[in-house]
Amino acid sequence: MRGVSLSFLFLTLTSILLSTDHLPASAADSAKELFVQADNIEHAQGAQRNYKKAIELYKKAVAAGSIDAMYPLAALQSEGLDPTSSPVNGIALMQKAAKLGNAKAQFSMGIASLYGFGINKDYAKALKYFEDAAKEKNGDALLLLSHMYESGIGTAKNPAKAKAFLKLANIHGCARGECAIAGFYLNGVTVTQSDEKAFYWFTQSAAHGNSRAMNDLAGLYADGRGTKADSKKAIELYLKADKNGSSAAKAKLADRYATGKGIEKNPQKAKALYAELAKMGHPAGH
């Protein structure tokens, strides 16, 4: 989508709802410790973040029996941040996590089913994934159920259900779901393409703290899509998204400092940001 990359689908996420209660105490403790270490490294601030190390630890945690580690590992692989794997492997692991009951993985697989990303496009299957995640009070899935029942996607239209799901989604929080719907409008997936509606939904998601939406909204301001072009606003949003953990925004800032697009050219700042990305293990780093 860039516009907005499809990578937003899998994005950004921390702890999960499942446990390692099925393991012996010592093994469970080891798996949990590895998962916590990986999570801390993945979500550390600035150059302290290290995707390569986080991925190594997530893999060890999964091997040690951690169900919790499956989702973030799958998300990183799906975004192409694991040079030893592939997005296809990420989708396969995401499916496994979803089958084991992880609500965030179920939400991600629902989105993948709507796009046909790594799997066959299947609206009915997407609906089922969202229904399963909604049982765990996942607000993002509740919002997507509202969207599907309102529009009659994979099911008959049902305005009453759509309204009820929307109410629950707002109670539980749905910034990631808002970002997903923005992507639908930007790409014309399940809806008629509309830059203006994409802008609206990215704005909502960004206001609710979603760093991916901040980055994507910055792109709309930069390109004048769905709104008047505003380079200053775009840079402000890239900076905010970077501060809130978006490595994609950090890469955009590095490019803009390097080229002087929308901001005063500053090769030194660009070099420092590229170096930071490289230290994090991000493909844009050098």
Protein backbone atom coordinates (compact mmCIF):
# COMPACT_ATOMS: atom_id res chain seq x y z
CA MET A 1 0.00 0.00 0.00
CA ARG A 2 2.48 2.91 -0.14
CA GLY A 3 0.46 5.02 -0.36
CA VAL A 4 0.66 2.58 2.36
CA SER A 5 2.46 -0.76 2.35
CA LEU A 6 0.62 -3.96 2.98
CA SER A 7 3.14 -4.43 5.73
CA PHE A 8 0.81 -2.36 7.98
CA LEU A 9 -1.39 -5.37 8.10
CA PHE A 10 0.93 -7.06 10.58
CA LEU A 11 1.69 -4.53 12.34
CA THR A 12 3.44 -3.55 15.47
CA LEU A 13 2.58 -5.53 18.35
CA THR A 14 3.49 -6.63 21.88
CA SER A 15 2.24 -9.17 24.39
CA ILE A 16 -0.39 -11.78 23.76
CA LEU A 17 -3.13 -13.43 25.67
CA LEU A 18 -2.02 -17.05 25.79
CA SER A 19 0.24 -18.73 28.33
CA THR A 20 2.73 -21.55 28.72
CA ASP A 21 0.70 -23.38 31.37
CA HIS A 22 1.01 -26.61 29.36
CA LEU A 23 4.77 -26.78 29.99
CA PRO A 24 6.68 -28.01 33.05
CA ALA A 25 7.50 -25.11 35.36
CA SER A 26 11.18 -24.84 34.45
CA ALA A 27 10.53 -25.01 30.70
CA ALA A 28 7.65 -22.54 30.96
CA ASP A 29 9.83 -20.12 32.92
CA SER A 30 12.59 -20.38 30.32
CA ALA A 31 10.18 -19.84 27.41
CA LYS A 32 8.53 -16.91 29.15
CA GLU A 33 11.88 -15.30 29.98
CA LEU A 34 13.00 -15.57 26.35
CA PHE A 35 9.70 -14.07 25.18
CA VAL A 36 9.96 -11.13 27.59
CA GLN A 37 13.56 -10.45 26.55
CA ALA A 38 12.59 -10.50 22.87
CA ASP A 39 9.58 -8.25 23.45
CA ASN A 40 11.69 -5.72 25.34
CA ILE A 41 14.31 -5.63 22.59
CA GLU A 42 11.75 -5.36 19.78
CA HIS A 43 10.02 -2.41 21.44
CA ALA A 44 13.03 -0.62 22.91
CA GLN A 45 13.45 3.06 22.08
CA GLY A 46 15.68 4.21 19.23
CA ALA A 47 18.92 2.39 18.54
CA GLN A 48 18.34 0.06 21.49
CA ARG A 49 15.78 -1.73 19.32
CA ASN A 50 17.29 -4.68 17.51
CA TYR A 51 15.05 -6.73 15.24
CA LYS A 52 17.70 -9.34 14.51
CA LYS A 53 18.25 -10.07 18.20
CA ALA A 54 14.52 -9.96 18.96
CA ILE A 55 13.83 -12.46 16.17
CA GLU A 56 16.55 -14.79 17.45
CA LEU A 57 15.04 -14.71 20.93
CA TYR A 58 11.46 -15.14 19.67
CA LYS A 59 12.58 -18.23 17.73
CA LYS A 60 14.24 -19.66 20.84
CA ALA A 61 11.10 -18.92 22.85
CA VAL A 62 8.91 -20.69 20.28
CA ALA A 63 11.29 -23.65 20.27
CA ALA A 64 11.09 -23.71 24.06
CA GLY A 65 7.29 -23.94 23.84
CA SER A 66 6.14 -20.30 24.03
CA ILE A 67 2.84 -19.77 22.25
CA ASP A 68 3.11 -16.08 23.15
CA ALA A 69 6.20 -15.66 20.95
CA MET A 70 4.55 -17.02 17.80
CA TYR A 71 2.56 -13.89 16.99
CA PRO A 72 5.30 -11.25 17.19
CA LEU A 73 7.71 -13.53 15.33
CA ALA A 74 5.11 -14.08 12.61
CA ALA A 75 4.46 -10.32 12.42
CA LEU A 76 8.16 -9.51 11.98
CA GLN A 77 8.58 -12.21 9.34
CA SER A 78 5.45 -11.02 7.52
CA GLU A 79 6.93 -7.52 7.37
CA GLY A 80 10.12 -8.83 5.81
CA LEU A 81 12.27 -8.04 8.84
CA ASP A 82 13.69 -11.56 9.19
CA PRO A 83 16.42 -12.03 6.54
CA THR A 84 16.56 -15.76 7.32
CA SER A 85 12.86 -16.29 6.60
CA SER A 86 10.12 -14.91 4.36
CA PRO A 87 6.67 -13.31 4.56
CA VAL A 88 5.21 -16.64 3.42
CA ASN A 89 6.69 -18.34 6.48
CA GLY A 90 5.35 -15.50 8.58
CA ILE A 91 1.83 -16.13 7.30
CA ALA A 92 2.14 -19.85 8.04
CA LEU A 93 3.22 -19.14 11.61
CA MET A 94 0.47 -16.52 11.95
CA GLN A 95 -2.08 -19.16 10.94
CA LYS A 96 -0.72 -21.52 13.58
CA ALA A 97 -0.94 -18.83 16.27
CA ALA A 98 -4.50 -18.04 15.17
CA LYS A 99 -5.52 -21.71 15.40
CA LEU A 100 -4.09 -21.80 18.92
CA GLY A 101 -6.43 -18.97 19.90
CA ASN A 102 -4.30 -15.84 19.68
CA ALA A 103 -6.73 -12.98 19.07
CA LYS A 104 -4.18 -10.67 17.47
CA ALA A 105 -3.11 -13.41 15.08
CA GLN A 106 -6.78 -14.11 14.30
CA PHE A 107 -7.28 -10.43 13.48
CA SER A 108 -4.19 -10.41 11.24
CA MET A 109 -5.34 -13.55 9.43
CA GLY A 110 -8.74 -11.94 8.92
CA ILE A 111 -7.05 -9.00 7.20
CA ALA A 112 -4.87 -11.34 5.14
CA SER A 113 -8.00 -13.23 4.04
CA LEU A 114 -9.64 -10.01 2.87
CA TYR A 115 -6.59 -9.01 0.81
CA GLY A 116 -5.55 -12.48 -0.29
CA PHE A 117 -2.17 -11.71 1.22
CA GLY A 118 -0.15 -14.93 1.33
CA ILE A 119 -3.36 -17.00 1.24
CA ASN A 120 -6.46 -17.23 -0.94
CA LYS A 121 -8.88 -14.32 -0.69
CA ASP A 122 -11.84 -15.56 1.33
CA TYR A 123 -14.35 -13.13 2.85
CA ALA A 124 -16.24 -15.84 4.73
CA LYS A 125 -13.02 -17.07 6.32
CA ALA A 126 -12.09 -13.50 7.21
CA LEU A 127 -15.42 -13.11 8.97
CA LYS A 128 -14.76 -16.29 10.97
CA TYR A 129 -11.30 -15.08 12.04
CA PHE A 130 -12.78 -11.77 13.22
CA GLU A 131 -15.57 -13.57 15.06
CA ASP A 132 -13.03 -15.75 16.88
CA ALA A 133 -10.93 -12.71 17.87
CA ALA A 134 -14.05 -10.81 18.95
CA LYS A 135 -14.82 -13.57 21.46
CA GLU A 136 -11.63 -12.41 23.24
CA LYS A 137 -12.95 -8.82 23.19
CA ASN A 138 -10.46 -7.74 20.54
CA GLY A 139 -11.65 -4.25 19.62
CA ASP A 140 -9.97 -4.26 16.22
CA ALA A 141 -11.80 -7.43 15.21
CA LEU A 142 -15.07 -6.00 16.54
CA LEU A 143 -14.60 -2.95 14.30
CA LEU A 144 -13.96 -5.14 11.26
CA LEU A 145 -17.09 -7.15 12.03
CA SER A 146 -19.01 -3.88 12.11
CA HIS A 147 -17.50 -2.97 8.73
CA MET A 148 -18.40 -6.33 7.20
CA TYR A 149 -21.97 -6.41 8.50
CA GLU A 150 -22.53 -2.81 7.45
CA SER A 151 -21.28 -3.45 3.91
CA GLY A 152 -22.44 -7.07 3.51
CA ILE A 153 -18.93 -8.46 3.04
CA GLY A 154 -18.82 -12.24 3.50
CA THR A 155 -22.27 -12.10 5.05
CA ALA A 156 -25.67 -10.50 4.59
CA LYS A 157 -25.97 -6.84 5.53
CA ASN A 158 -27.13 -6.36 9.09
CA PRO A 159 -27.16 -2.71 10.25
CA ALA A 160 -28.20 -3.68 13.78
CA LYS A 161 -25.23 -6.01 14.21
CA ALA A 162 -22.92 -3.46 12.63
CA LYS A 163 -24.02 -0.84 15.14
CA ALA A 164 -23.67 -3.22 18.10
CA PHE A 165 -20.17 -4.31 17.07
CA LEU A 166 -19.10 -0.70 16.53
CA LYS A 167 -20.20 0.20 20.04
CA LEU A 168 -18.18 -2.67 21.50
CA ALA A 169 -15.17 -1.82 19.34
CA ASN A 170 -15.09 1.72 20.71
CA ILE A 171 -15.28 0.38 24.26
CA HIS A 172 -12.32 -1.98 23.80
CA GLY A 173 -10.19 0.24 21.55
CA CYS A 174 -9.74 -0.27 17.83
CA ALA A 175 -6.85 1.89 16.53
CA ARG A 176 -5.38 -0.98 14.55
CA GLY A 177 -8.78 -1.77 13.04
CA GLU A 178 -9.18 1.89 12.03
CA CYS A 179 -5.79 1.72 10.33
CA ALA A 180 -6.88 -1.42 8.48
CA ILE A 181 -10.09 0.20 7.21
CA ALA A 182 -8.04 3.20 6.05
CA GLY A 183 -5.94 0.77 4.04
CA PHE A 184 -9.08 -0.71 2.50
CA TYR A 185 -10.14 2.70 1.22
CA LEU A 186 -6.66 3.58 0.01
CA ASN A 187 -6.41 0.35 -1.99
CA GLY A 188 -10.05 -0.22 -2.89
CA VAL A 189 -10.25 -3.49 -0.96
CA THR A 190 -13.83 -4.46 0.04
CA VAL A 191 -14.87 -0.83 -0.66
CA THR A 192 -14.73 1.74 -3.45
CA GLN A 193 -11.31 3.41 -3.43
CA SER A 194 -11.35 6.81 -1.72
CA ASP A 195 -8.33 8.86 -0.66
CA GLU A 196 -10.62 11.11 1.38
CA LYS A 197 -12.03 8.22 3.42
CA ALA A 198 -8.57 6.72 3.81
CA PHE A 199 -7.43 10.08 5.18
CA TYR A 200 -10.34 10.12 7.63
CA TRP A 201 -9.64 6.64 8.99
CA PHE A 202 -5.87 7.15 9.22
CA THR A 203 -6.55 10.36 11.13
CA GLN A 204 -8.80 8.50 13.56
CA SER A 205 -6.26 5.74 14.09
CA ALA A 206 -3.35 8.15 14.51
CA ALA A 207 -5.33 10.16 17.06
CA HIS A 208 -5.76 6.93 19.02
CA GLY A 209 -1.99 6.39 19.13
CA ASN A 210 -1.31 4.02 16.23
CA SER A 211 2.21 4.80 14.99
CA ARG A 212 1.69 2.98 11.70
CA ALA A 213 -1.30 5.18 10.96
CA MET A 214 0.78 8.26 11.83
CA ASN A 215 3.36 7.18 9.26
CA ASP A 216 0.76 6.44 6.60
CA LEU A 217 -1.10 9.68 7.30
CA ALA A 218 2.18 11.54 6.86
CA GLY A 219 2.44 9.95 3.41
CA LEU A 220 -0.99 11.28 2.47
CA TYR A 221 -0.05 14.79 3.57
CA ALA A 222 3.23 14.54 1.67
CA ASP A 223 1.51 13.45 -1.55
CA GLY A 224 -1.64 15.55 -1.18
CA ARG A 225 -3.90 12.51 -1.24
CA GLY A 226 -7.28 12.96 0.43
CA THR A 227 -6.17 16.33 1.75
CA LYS A 228 -4.18 19.39 0.72
CA ALA A 229 -0.46 18.68 0.42
CA ASP A 230 1.36 19.86 3.55
CA SER A 231 5.05 18.98 3.82
CA LYS A 232 5.35 20.51 7.28
CA LYS A 233 2.49 18.40 8.63
CA ALA A 234 3.96 15.32 6.97
CA ILE A 235 7.32 15.83 8.68
CA GLU A 236 5.61 16.44 12.04
CA LEU A 237 3.77 13.14 11.70
CA TYR A 238 6.88 11.23 10.60
CA LEU A 239 8.68 12.58 13.67
CA LYS A 240 5.78 11.64 15.94
CA ALA A 241 5.51 8.16 14.41
CA ASP A 242 9.25 7.63 14.82
CA LYS A 243 9.04 8.71 18.45
CA ASN A 244 6.20 6.23 18.94
CA GLY A 245 8.18 3.33 17.52
CA SER A 246 7.62 3.28 13.77
CA SER A 247 10.84 2.22 12.06
CA ALA A 248 9.11 2.85 8.71
CA ALA A 249 8.77 6.51 9.71
CA LYS A 250 12.43 6.62 10.72
CA ALA A 251 13.33 5.36 7.25
CA LYS A 252 11.12 8.03 5.64
CA LEU A 253 12.78 10.74 7.72
CA ALA A 254 16.23 9.49 6.74
CA ASP A 255 15.25 9.62 3.05
CA ARG A 256 13.87 13.12 3.38
CA TYR A 257 16.91 14.46 5.21
CA ALA A 258 19.04 12.88 2.49
CA THR A 259 17.07 14.41 -0.40
CA GLY A 260 15.75 17.60 1.19
CA LYS A 261 12.18 16.70 0.24
CA GLY A 262 9.81 18.62 2.49
CA ILE A 263 12.59 19.48 4.93
CA GLU A 264 15.97 21.18 4.90
CA LYS A 265 18.55 18.80 3.47
CA ASN A 266 20.81 17.45 6.21
CA PRO A 267 23.18 14.65 5.14
CA GLN A 268 24.51 14.23 8.69
CA LYS A 269 21.06 13.62 10.16
CA ALA A 270 20.26 11.26 7.31
CA LYS A 271 23.47 9.33 7.90
CA ALA A 272 22.75 9.08 11.64
CA LEU A 273 19.22 7.77 11.01
CA TYR A 274 20.38 5.23 8.43
CA ALA A 275 23.02 4.05 10.89
CA GLU A 276 20.38 3.72 13.59
CA LEU A 277 18.21 1.68 11.25
CA ALA A 278 21.17 -0.54 10.39
CA LYS A 279 21.89 -1.12 14.07
CA MET A 280 18.26 -2.09 14.57
CA GLY A 281 18.53 -4.62 11.75
CA HIS A 282 16.10 -2.77 9.50
CA PRO A 283 16.50 -3.32 5.71
CA ALA A 284 16.60 0.45 5.07
CA GLY A 285 19.67 0.87 7.25
CA HIS A 286 23.16 1.35 5.85
